[in-house]
C-alpha atoms as a PDB file:
ATOM      1  CA  MET A   1       0.070  -0.037  -0.171  1.00  0.00           C
ATOM      2  CA  ARG A   2       1.185   3.366  -1.109  1.00  0.00           C
ATOM      3  CA  TRP A   3       2.155   6.141   1.517  1.00  0.00           C
ATOM      4  CA  VAL A   4       0.913   9.735   0.367  1.00  0.00           C
ATOM      5  CA  LEU A   5       2.488  13.035   1.253  1.00  0.00           C
ATOM      6  CA  GLU A   6      -0.378  15.392   2.596  1.00  0.00           C
ATOM      7  CA  PRO A   7       0.626  18.868   1.464  1.00  0.00           C
ATOM      8  CA  ASP A   8      -2.500  19.956   1.890  1.00  0.00           C
ATOM      9  CA  VAL A   9      -2.152  19.141   5.700  1.00  0.00           C
ATOM     10  CA  ALA A  10       1.416  20.216   6.118  1.00  0.00           C
ATOM     11  CA  PRO A  11       2.027  22.533   3.022  1.00  0.00           C
ATOM     12  CA  ASP A  12       5.501  23.212   2.008  1.00  0.00           C
ATOM     13  CA  ALA A  13       5.257  26.807   1.401  1.00  0.00           C
ATOM     14  CA  ALA A  14       3.147  29.942   2.812  1.00  0.00           C
ATOM     15  CA  PHE A  15       2.607  33.183   1.917  1.00  0.00           C
ATOM     16  CA  VAL A  16       3.343  35.824   4.771  1.00  0.00           C
ATOM     17  CA  LYS A  17       3.318  39.457   5.309  1.00  0.00           C
ATOM     18  CA  PRO A  18       4.027  41.956   8.136  1.00  0.00           C
ATOM     19  CA  HIS A  19       1.194  42.507  10.418  1.00  0.00           C
ATOM     20  CA  VAL A  20       0.555  45.858  12.222  1.00  0.00           C
ATOM     21  CA  GLY A  21      -2.070  47.214  14.528  1.00  0.00           C
ATOM     22  CA  VAL A  22      -5.263  45.633  15.437  1.00  0.00           C
ATOM     23  CA  GLU A  23      -7.313  43.677  12.734  1.00  0.00           C
ATOM     24  CA  VAL A  24     -10.938  42.774  13.065  1.00  0.00           C
ATOM     25  CA  GLY A  25     -12.129  39.710  11.496  1.00  0.00           C
ATOM     26  CA  TYR A  26     -10.338  37.181   9.420  1.00  0.00           C
ATOM     27  CA  PRO A  27      -6.933  37.550   8.638  1.00  0.00           C
ATOM     28  CA  SER A  28      -6.597  38.777   5.110  1.00  0.00           C
ATOM     29  CA  LEU A  29      -3.768  39.300   2.427  1.00  0.00           C
ATOM     30  CA  ALA A  30      -5.391  42.299   1.153  1.00  0.00           C
ATOM     31  CA  GLY A  31      -4.095  46.056   1.517  1.00  0.00           C
ATOM     32  CA  GLY A  32      -0.853  47.273   3.431  1.00  0.00           C
ATOM     33  CA  PHE A  33       2.570  45.330   3.046  1.00  0.00           C
ATOM     34  CA  GLU A  34       3.727  42.985   0.282  1.00  0.00           C
ATOM     35  CA  THR A  35       3.400  39.548   0.643  1.00  0.00           C
ATOM     36  CA  GLU A  36       6.309  37.239   0.697  1.00  0.00           C
ATOM     37  CA  LEU A  37       6.504  33.387  -0.529  1.00  0.00           C
ATOM     38  CA  GLN A  38       8.362  31.309   2.302  1.00  0.00           C
ATOM     39  CA  ARG A  39       9.379  27.613   1.296  1.00  0.00           C
ATOM     40  CA  ARG A  40      11.649  25.220   3.182  1.00  0.00           C
ATOM     41  CA  THR A  41      14.097  25.773   0.449  1.00  0.00           C
ATOM     42  CA  ALA A  42      17.089  26.251   2.905  1.00  0.00           C
ATOM     43  CA  TYR A  43      16.172  22.747   4.513  1.00  0.00           C
ATOM     44  CA  TYR A  44      16.261  21.062   1.131  1.00  0.00           C
ATOM     45  CA  GLU A  45      19.506  22.488   0.220  1.00  0.00           C
ATOM     46  CA  SER A  46      21.005  21.226   3.718  1.00  0.00           C
ATOM     47  CA  THR A  47      19.797  17.699   3.478  1.00  0.00           C
ATOM     48  CA  HIS A  48      19.659  14.599   1.217  1.00  0.00           C
ATOM     49  CA  LEU A  49      17.111  12.158   0.639  1.00  0.00           C
ATOM     50  CA  GLN A  50      19.715   9.462   1.400  1.00  0.00           C
ATOM     51  CA  THR A  51      20.375  11.155   4.978  1.00  0.00           C
ATOM     52  CA  ILE A  52      16.441  10.946   5.654  1.00  0.00           C
ATOM     53  CA  GLU A  53      16.667   7.223   4.770  1.00  0.00           C
ATOM     54  CA  PHE A  54      19.313   6.522   7.013  1.00  0.00           C
ATOM     55  CA  GLU A  55      17.975   8.293   9.861  1.00  0.00           C
ATOM     56  CA  ILE A  56      14.610   6.128   9.222  1.00  0.00           C
ATOM     57  CA  ALA A  57      16.898   3.209   9.263  1.00  0.00           C
ATOM     58  CA  ARG A  58      18.438   3.760  12.348  1.00  0.00           C
ATOM     59  CA  VAL A  59      15.130   4.415  14.143  1.00  0.00           C
ATOM     60  CA  ILE A  60      13.964   0.999  12.964  1.00  0.00           C
ATOM     61  CA  VAL A  61      17.128  -0.743  13.859  1.00  0.00           C
ATOM     62  CA  GLY A  62      17.023   0.602  17.396  1.00  0.00           C
ATOM     63  CA  ARG A  63      13.388  -0.244  17.616  1.00  0.00           C
ATOM     64  CA  LEU A  64      14.408  -3.905  16.489  1.00  0.00           C
ATOM     65  CA  LEU A  65      16.940  -4.677  18.833  1.00  0.00           C
ATOM     66  CA  GLU A  66      14.728  -3.126  21.935  1.00  0.00           C
ATOM     67  CA  THR A  67      11.784  -5.396  21.319  1.00  0.00           C
ATOM     68  CA  ALA A  68      14.122  -8.586  20.123  1.00  0.00           C
ATOM     69  CA  GLU A  69      14.534 -11.648  22.328  1.00  0.00           C
ATOM     70  CA  PRO A  70      17.785 -11.799  24.509  1.00  0.00           C
ATOM     71  CA  LYS A  71      19.308 -14.174  21.988  1.00  0.00           C
ATOM     72  CA  MET A  72      19.064 -11.678  19.163  1.00  0.00           C
ATOM     73  CA  ARG A  73      20.230  -8.574  20.854  1.00  0.00           C
ATOM     74  CA  ARG A  74      23.732  -9.790  20.530  1.00  0.00           C
ATOM     75  CA  VAL A  75      23.128  -9.329  16.939  1.00  0.00           C
ATOM     76  CA  SER A  76      25.006  -5.984  16.098  1.00  0.00           C
ATOM     77  CA  ALA A  77      23.692  -2.972  14.863  1.00  0.00           C
ATOM     78  CA  HIS A  78      26.022  -2.962  11.967  1.00  0.00           C
ATOM     79  CA  VAL A  79      24.877  -6.288  10.726  1.00  0.00           C
ATOM     80  CA  LEU A  80      21.460  -5.212  10.756  1.00  0.00           C
ATOM     81  CA  PHE A  81      21.430  -1.682   9.502  1.00  0.00           C
ATOM     82  CA  PRO A  82      22.436  -2.768   5.830  1.00  0.00           C
ATOM     83  CA  ARG A  83      19.492  -4.723   5.106  1.00  0.00           C
ATOM     84  CA  VAL A  84      16.997  -2.241   6.971  1.00  0.00           C
ATOM     85  CA  PHE A  85      18.499   0.312   4.741  1.00  0.00           C
ATOM     86  CA  GLN A  86      17.805  -1.659   1.696  1.00  0.00           C
ATOM     87  CA  LEU A  87      14.179  -1.974   2.928  1.00  0.00           C
ATOM     88  CA  VAL A  88      13.896   1.698   3.581  1.00  0.00           C
ATOM     89  CA  ASP A  89      15.358   2.737   0.351  1.00  0.00           C
ATOM     90  CA  GLU A  90      13.099   0.211  -1.577  1.00  0.00           C
ATOM     91  CA  TYR A  91       9.860   1.594   0.348  1.00  0.00           C
ATOM     92  CA  VAL A  92      10.552   5.204  -0.398  1.00  0.00           C
ATOM     93  CA  ARG A  93      11.218   4.321  -4.132  1.00  0.00           C
ATOM     94  CA  THR A  94       8.322   2.192  -4.578  1.00  0.00           C
ATOM     95  CA  ARG A  95       5.715   3.159  -2.174  1.00  0.00           C
ATOM     96  CA  VAL A  96       6.017   6.956  -1.653  1.00  0.00           C
ATOM     97  CA  ASP A  97       3.818   9.149  -3.406  1.00  0.00           C
ATOM     98  CA  PHE A  98       5.620  12.428  -3.131  1.00  0.00           C
ATOM     99  CA  ARG A  99       2.984  14.354  -5.127  1.00  0.00           C
ATOM    100  CA  ALA A 100       5.084  16.691  -6.830  1.00  0.00           C
ATOM    101  CA  MET A 101       6.759  17.843  -3.154  1.00  0.00           C
ATOM    102  CA  HIS A 102      10.651  17.710  -2.919  1.00  0.00           C
ATOM    103  CA  PRO A 103      11.790  14.327  -1.651  1.00  0.00           C
ATOM    104  CA  CYS A 104      13.322  15.766   1.378  1.00  0.00           C
ATOM    105  CA  GLU A 105       9.688  16.460   2.704  1.00  0.00           C
ATOM    106  CA  LEU A 106       9.924  12.961   3.723  1.00  0.00           C
ATOM    107  CA  GLY A 107      12.340  14.281   6.558  1.00  0.00           C
ATOM    108  CA  LEU A 108       9.227  15.862   8.585  1.00  0.00           C
ATOM    109  CA  SER A 109       8.629  13.698  11.688  1.00  0.00           C
ATOM    110  CA  ARG A 110       5.035  13.454  10.486  1.00  0.00           C
ATOM    111  CA  TYR A 111       6.182  11.351   7.694  1.00  0.00           C
ATOM    112  CA  ALA A 112       9.663   9.835   8.779  1.00  0.00           C
ATOM    113  CA  ASP A 113       7.765   8.524  12.035  1.00  0.00           C
ATOM    114  CA  ALA A 114       5.144   7.179  10.183  1.00  0.00           C
ATOM    115  CA  VAL A 115       7.266   5.187   7.650  1.00  0.00           C
ATOM    116  CA  ALA A 116       9.524   4.023  10.179  1.00  0.00           C
ATOM    117  CA  GLU A 117       6.415   2.497  12.253  1.00  0.00           C
ATOM    118  CA  ARG A 118       4.944   0.924   8.988  1.00  0.00           C
ATOM    119  CA  ILE A 119       8.249  -0.541   7.738  1.00  0.00           C
ATOM    120  CA  PHE A 120       8.897  -1.717  11.570  1.00  0.00           C
ATOM    121  CA  ILE A 121       5.698  -3.411  11.892  1.00  0.00           C
ATOM    122  CA  ALA A 122       6.099  -5.071   8.763  1.00  0.00           C
ATOM    123  CA  ILE A 123       9.136  -6.928   9.474  1.00  0.00           C
ATOM    124  CA  ARG A 124       8.402 -10.280  11.056  1.00  0.00           C
ATOM    125  CA  PRO A 125      10.984 -13.111  12.472  1.00  0.00           C
ATOM    126  CA  ASP A 126      12.429 -15.508  10.040  1.00  0.00           C
ATOM    127  CA  GLU A 127      11.334 -18.714  11.963  1.00  0.00           C
ATOM    128  CA  ASN A 128      12.891 -20.853   9.126  1.00  0.00           C
ATOM    129  CA  ALA A 129      16.158 -19.346   9.954  1.00  0.00           C
ATOM    130  CA  GLY A 130      15.573 -19.985  13.744  1.00  0.00           C
ATOM    131  CA  GLU A 131      14.460 -16.767  14.917  1.00  0.00           C
ATOM    132  CA  PRO A 132      12.116 -17.058  17.691  1.00  0.00           C
ATOM    133  CA  PRO A 133       8.227 -16.292  16.415  1.00  0.00           C
ATOM    134  CA  LEU A 134       6.265 -13.477  17.449  1.00  0.00           C
ATOM    135  CA  LEU A 135       4.433 -14.060  20.980  1.00  0.00           C
ATOM    136  CA  PRO A 136       2.090 -12.221  22.737  1.00  0.00           C
ATOM    137  CA  LEU A 137       2.977  -9.999  25.924  1.00  0.00           C
ATOM    138  CA  LEU A 138       0.331 -11.447  28.640  1.00  0.00           C
ATOM    139  CA  ASN A 139      -1.085  -9.369  31.451  1.00  0.00           C
ATOM    140  CA  ARG A 140       0.342 -11.027  34.669  1.00  0.00           C
ATOM    141  CA  HIS A 141      -2.616 -10.677  36.616  1.00  0.00           C
ATOM    142  CA  ARG A 142      -5.204 -11.286  34.027  1.00  0.00           C
ATOM    143  CA  PRO A 143      -3.758 -13.292  30.725  1.00  0.00           C
ATOM    144  CA  THR A 144      -6.951 -13.975  29.218  1.00  0.00           C
ATOM    145  CA  GLY A 145     -10.543 -12.535  29.475  1.00  0.00           C
ATOM    146  CA  ASP A 146     -14.368 -13.554  28.773  1.00  0.00           C
ATOM    147  CA  THR A 147     -17.694 -12.262  28.598  1.00  0.00           C
ATOM    148  CA  SER A 148     -18.673 -12.747  32.320  1.00  0.00           C
ATOM    149  CA  VAL A 149     -17.093  -9.436  32.843  1.00  0.00           C
ATOM    150  CA  VAL A 150     -19.428  -7.524  30.754  1.00  0.00           C
ATOM    151  CA  ASN A 151     -22.261  -5.931  32.807  1.00  0.00           C
ATOM    152  CA  PHE A 152     -23.156  -2.095  32.236  1.00  0.00           C
ATOM    153  CA  LYS A 153     -25.734   0.276  31.581  1.00  0.00           C
ATOM    154  CA  THR A 154     -25.767   2.252  28.436  1.00  0.00           C
ATOM    155  CA  VAL A 155     -27.852   5.042  26.244  1.00  0.00           C
ATOM    156  CA  LYS A 156     -26.907   3.431  23.221  1.00  0.00           C
ATOM    157  CA  ARG A 157     -29.622   1.547  20.995  1.00  0.00           C
ATOM    158  CA  CYS A 158     -29.611  -1.911  21.810  1.00  0.00           C
ATOM    159  CA  PHE A 159     -31.231  -5.184  20.121  1.00  0.00           C
ATOM    160  CA  ALA A 160     -31.601  -8.595  21.666  1.00  0.00           C
ATOM    161  CA  THR A 161     -29.412 -11.435  20.212  1.00  0.00           C
ATOM    162  CA  ARG A 162     -29.355 -15.136  20.017  1.00  0.00           C
ATOM    163  CA  LYS A 163     -26.082 -16.275  19.435  1.00  0.00           C
ATOM    164  CA  SER A 164     -24.340 -13.887  21.505  1.00  0.00           C
ATOM    165  CA  HIS A 165     -22.900 -14.592  25.346  1.00  0.00           C
ATOM    166  CA  ILE A 166     -24.103 -11.081  25.766  1.00  0.00           C
ATOM    167  CA  ASN A 167     -27.831 -10.723  25.672  1.00  0.00           C
ATOM    168  CA  LEU A 168     -27.870  -6.987  23.969  1.00  0.00           C
ATOM    169  CA  VAL A 169     -25.965  -5.523  21.555  1.00  0.00           C
ATOM    170  CA  ALA A 170     -25.116  -2.186  21.876  1.00  0.00           C
ATOM    171  CA  ALA A 171     -24.565  -0.228  18.542  1.00  0.00           C
ATOM    172  CA  ASP A 172     -22.224   2.713  17.934  1.00  0.00           C
ATOM    173  CA  THR A 173     -23.779   3.502  14.401  1.00  0.00           C
ATOM    174  CA  GLY A 174     -27.165   3.685  13.205  1.00  0.00           C
ATOM    175  CA  SER A 175     -27.279   0.382  10.894  1.00  0.00           C
ATOM    176  CA  TRP A 176     -23.745  -0.713  10.624  1.00  0.00           C
ATOM    177  CA  GLU A 177     -23.494  -2.787  13.728  1.00  0.00           C
ATOM    178  CA  GLN A 178     -27.050  -4.250  13.645  1.00  0.00           C
ATOM    179  CA  ALA A 179     -26.574  -5.350  10.068  1.00  0.00           C
ATOM    180  CA  ALA A 180     -23.672  -7.234  10.961  1.00  0.00           C
ATOM    181  CA  ALA A 181     -25.194  -8.632  13.914  1.00  0.00           C
ATOM    182  CA  PHE A 182     -27.906  -9.765  11.658  1.00  0.00           C
ATOM    183  CA  ALA A 183     -25.589 -11.385   9.342  1.00  0.00           C
ATOM    184  CA  LEU A 184     -23.723 -13.167  12.649  1.00  0.00           C
ATOM    185  CA  GLU A 185     -27.311 -14.651  13.436  1.00  0.00           C
ATOM    186  CA  ALA A 186     -27.932 -15.719  10.401  1.00  0.00           C
ATOM    187  CA  SER A 187     -24.773 -17.580   9.450  1.00  0.00           C
ATOM    188  CA  ASP A 188     -24.595 -21.427  10.280  1.00  0.00           C
ATOM    189  CA  ALA A 189     -20.871 -20.697  10.404  1.00  0.00           C
ATOM    190  CA  VAL A 190     -20.915 -18.974  13.382  1.00  0.00           C
ATOM    191  CA  VAL A 191     -21.297 -20.407  16.630  1.00  0.00           C
ATOM    192  CA  ALA A 192     -21.515 -17.269  19.021  1.00  0.00           C
ATOM    193  CA  TYR A 193     -20.269 -13.715  19.233  1.00  0.00           C
ATOM    194  CA  ALA A 194     -19.656 -11.062  21.382  1.00  0.00           C
ATOM    195  CA  ARG A 195     -19.992  -7.183  20.559  1.00  0.00           C
ATOM    196  CA  ASN A 196     -16.704  -5.761  21.833  1.00  0.00           C
ATOM    197  CA  GLU A 197     -18.298  -3.192  24.027  1.00  0.00           C
ATOM    198  CA  ARG A 198     -16.759  -2.968  27.723  1.00  0.00           C
ATOM    199  CA  LEU A 199     -15.355  -6.474  27.197  1.00  0.00           C
ATOM    200  CA  GLU A 200     -11.851  -5.381  27.576  1.00  0.00           C
ATOM    201  CA  PHE A 201     -10.355  -6.923  24.407  1.00  0.00           C
ATOM    202  CA  SER A 202      -7.894  -4.600  22.950  1.00  0.00           C
ATOM    203  CA  ILE A 203      -4.729  -4.563  20.485  1.00  0.00           C
ATOM    204  CA  PRO A 204      -2.088  -2.381  21.302  1.00  0.00           C
ATOM    205  CA  TYR A 205      -0.739  -0.411  18.000  1.00  0.00           C
ATOM    206  CA  GLU A 206       1.472   2.650  17.745  1.00  0.00           C
ATOM    207  CA  PHE A 207       0.401   5.562  15.140  1.00  0.00           C
ATOM    208  CA  ARG A 208       2.789   8.753  14.904  1.00  0.00           C
ATOM    209  CA  GLY A 209       5.229   7.312  17.741  1.00  0.00           C
ATOM    210  CA  ILE A 210       2.221   7.450  20.154  1.00  0.00           C
ATOM    211  CA  PRO A 211       1.170   4.202  22.022  1.00  0.00           C
ATOM    212  CA  ARG A 212      -2.845   3.599  21.621  1.00  0.00           C
ATOM    213  CA  SER A 213      -5.267   0.629  21.912  1.00  0.00           C
ATOM    214  CA  TYR A 214      -7.450  -0.703  19.622  1.00  0.00           C
ATOM    215  CA  PHE A 215     -10.821  -2.281  20.148  1.00  0.00           C
ATOM    216  CA  PRO A 216     -12.197  -4.109  17.327  1.00  0.00           C
ATOM    217  CA  ASP A 217     -15.846  -4.503  16.713  1.00  0.00           C
ATOM    218  CA  PHE A 218     -16.753  -8.187  17.255  1.00  0.00           C
ATOM    219  CA  LEU A 219     -15.221 -11.468  18.523  1.00  0.00           C
ATOM    220  CA  VAL A 220     -16.587 -14.315  16.665  1.00  0.00           C
ATOM    221  CA  SER A 221     -16.649 -18.029  17.258  1.00  0.00           C
ATOM    222  CA  LEU A 222     -16.633 -19.933  14.165  1.00  0.00           C
ATOM    223  CA  ALA A 223     -17.878 -23.577  13.434  1.00  0.00           C
ATOM    224  CA  ASP A 224     -14.339 -24.810  12.792  1.00  0.00           C
ATOM    225  CA  ASP A 225     -13.377 -24.210  16.132  1.00  0.00           C
ATOM    226  CA  SER A 226     -11.365 -20.896  15.420  1.00  0.00           C
ATOM    227  CA  THR A 227     -11.963 -17.457  16.724  1.00  0.00           C
ATOM    228  CA  LEU A 228     -12.548 -14.334  14.324  1.00  0.00           C
ATOM    229  CA  VAL A 229     -11.469 -10.838  15.249  1.00  0.00           C
ATOM    230  CA  LEU A 230     -13.750  -8.687  12.900  1.00  0.00           C
ATOM    231  CA  GLU A 231     -13.832  -5.013  12.208  1.00  0.00           C
ATOM    232  CA  ILE A 232     -16.899  -3.567  10.437  1.00  0.00           C
ATOM    233  CA  LYS A 233     -14.942  -0.591   8.752  1.00  0.00           C
ATOM    234  CA  GLY A 234     -16.274   1.741   5.239  1.00  0.00           C
ATOM    235  CA  GLU A 235     -13.639   4.312   4.753  1.00  0.00           C
ATOM    236  CA  GLU A 236     -10.262   3.639   5.898  1.00  0.00           C
ATOM    237  CA  THR A 237      -7.608   5.991   7.410  1.00  0.00           C
ATOM    238  CA  GLU A 238      -4.193   5.794   7.811  1.00  0.00           C
ATOM    239  CA  GLU A 239      -4.644   5.192  11.374  1.00  0.00           C
ATOM    240  CA  ASP A 240      -7.103   2.470  10.644  1.00  0.00           C
ATOM    241  CA  ARG A 241      -4.467   0.778   8.599  1.00  0.00           C
ATOM    242  CA  ALA A 242      -2.052   1.025  11.498  1.00  0.00           C
ATOM    243  CA  LYS A 243      -4.832  -0.767  13.724  1.00  0.00           C
ATOM    244  CA  HIS A 244      -5.138  -3.390  11.151  1.00  0.00           C
ATOM    245  CA  VAL A 245      -1.420  -3.890  10.644  1.00  0.00           C
ATOM    246  CA  ALA A 246      -1.206  -4.394  14.502  1.00  0.00           C
ATOM    247  CA  ALA A 247      -4.347  -6.937  14.480  1.00  0.00           C
ATOM    248  CA  ASP A 248      -2.425  -9.061  11.877  1.00  0.00           C
ATOM    249  CA  ARG A 249       0.714  -9.178  14.227  1.00  0.00           C
ATOM    250  CA  TRP A 250      -1.484  -9.822  17.414  1.00  0.00           C
ATOM    251  CA  VAL A 251      -3.086 -12.711  15.591  1.00  0.00           C
ATOM    252  CA  ALA A 252      -0.052 -14.233  14.395  1.00  0.00           C
ATOM    253  CA  ALA A 253       1.407 -14.064  17.970  1.00  0.00           C
ATOM    254  CA  VAL A 254      -1.498 -15.517  19.541  1.00  0.00           C
ATOM    255  CA  ASN A 255      -1.749 -18.622  17.095  1.00  0.00           C
ATOM    256  CA  ASN A 256       2.202 -19.025  17.791  1.00  0.00           C
ATOM    257  CA  TRP A 257       1.409 -19.293  21.435  1.00  0.00           C
ATOM    258  CA  GLY A 258      -1.108 -21.918  20.798  1.00  0.00           C
ATOM    259  CA  LYS A 259      -3.185 -21.979  24.036  1.00  0.00           C
ATOM    260  CA  LEU A 260      -6.085 -20.101  22.679  1.00  0.00           C
ATOM    261  CA  GLY A 261      -6.858 -22.125  19.412  1.00  0.00           C
ATOM    262  CA  ARG A 262      -6.578 -20.592  16.034  1.00  0.00           C
ATOM    263  CA  TRP A 263      -7.592 -16.719  15.507  1.00  0.00           C
ATOM    264  CA  ARG A 264      -8.124 -14.803  12.229  1.00  0.00           C
ATOM    265  CA  PHE A 265      -8.754 -11.002  11.422  1.00  0.00           C
ATOM    266  CA  ARG A 266     -10.711  -9.691   9.037  1.00  0.00           C
ATOM    267  CA  VAL A 267     -11.834  -6.252   8.358  1.00  0.00           C
ATOM    268  CA  CYS A 268     -15.795  -6.236   6.708  1.00  0.00           C
ATOM    269  CA  ARG A 269     -16.407  -3.199   4.395  1.00  0.00           C
ATOM    270  CA  ASP A 270     -20.036  -3.980   3.367  1.00  0.00           C
ATOM    271  CA  PRO A 271     -22.128  -5.584   6.274  1.00  0.00           C
ATOM    272  CA  GLN A 272     -24.447  -7.157   3.578  1.00  0.00           C
ATOM    273  CA  LEU A 273     -21.477  -9.318   2.328  1.00  0.00           C
ATOM    274  CA  LEU A 274     -20.671 -10.238   5.753  1.00  0.00           C
ATOM    275  CA  ARG A 275     -22.719 -13.641   5.720  1.00  0.00           C
ATOM    276  CA  GLU A 276     -21.192 -14.974   2.236  1.00  0.00           C
ATOM    277  CA  SER A 277     -17.461 -13.955   3.715  1.00  0.00           C
ATOM    278  CA  ILE A 278     -17.967 -15.952   7.102  1.00  0.00           C
ATOM    279  CA  ASP A 279     -19.168 -18.819   4.946  1.00  0.00           C
ATOM    280  CA  ASP A 280     -16.567 -18.793   2.846  1.00  0.00           C
ATOM    281  CA  LEU A 281     -13.905 -19.166   5.741  1.00  0.00           C
ATOM    282  CA  VAL A 282     -15.517 -22.366   7.027  1.00  0.00           C
ATOM    283  CA  THR A 283     -16.845 -23.848   3.829  1.00  0.00           C
ATOM    284  CA  PRO A 284     -14.733 -27.276   4.204  1.00  0.00           C
ATOM    285  CA  VAL A 285     -16.077 -27.570   7.538  1.00  0.00           C
ATOM    286  CA  ALA A 286     -19.557 -26.642   6.717  1.00  0.00           C
ATOM    287  CA  ALA A 287     -19.565 -29.174   3.480  1.00  0.00           C
ATOM    288  CA  GLY A 288     -18.325 -31.829   5.740  1.00  0.00           C
ATOM    289  CA  GLY A 289     -20.747 -31.569   8.619  1.00  0.00           C
END
């Protein structure tokens, strides 16, 4: 997926003019002194795209060494750096849409941090080479949870269910959760499900350097004994993509751990197609039964 620079959010140039006295109303460029166009020209002249790529690679290597297993921390940074830099350079060349902006715009923290974050979370251990697999970090006091903790009052619109362990589904939107719940109720591939409302199920992720928590919409128990983490999402933002990548990593870690069965993660962009999509996941089991 391409990373697109946003000059409408972080413009690389601006018109400025001196301001004298008190001005009533909205700021105006009319009257008085001449305006002057200011760009980040001095910054462009003082740096190079390769320097920016080196800094992004340095950040990624640092994070890899911080989060690695003790065995892997013995790997020197100078061994990792050339391989990571190659990934960064390829990503910038093939995946970044500069939208006619100067390439050194990538050095702004909003872009550089995001690129480093995207590449970092996409790097997976090479298990075939003996690297330890991804594993979940468990809460020492409560490593797993269940629907027994759900008991709350809400002013949201609720509707009754048959297959959910919770007697009511609280909807955040006018129709999407309702349509999704209807599809889950109607699917023979669904054994049980729960709306992730006060269920305390969250997946940690980072967006622009800030740790956050992602709360998917539903947890679904399927007829093939797997558990589906389900998100109902229409238009997707850059932060949504960060959430979904984190969910993929979380599912991989839980499956490697192996103590909670097999898990999946899916994003549904049209609730009307959800039943068909879920049925396709367990078609071999359904056909054999």
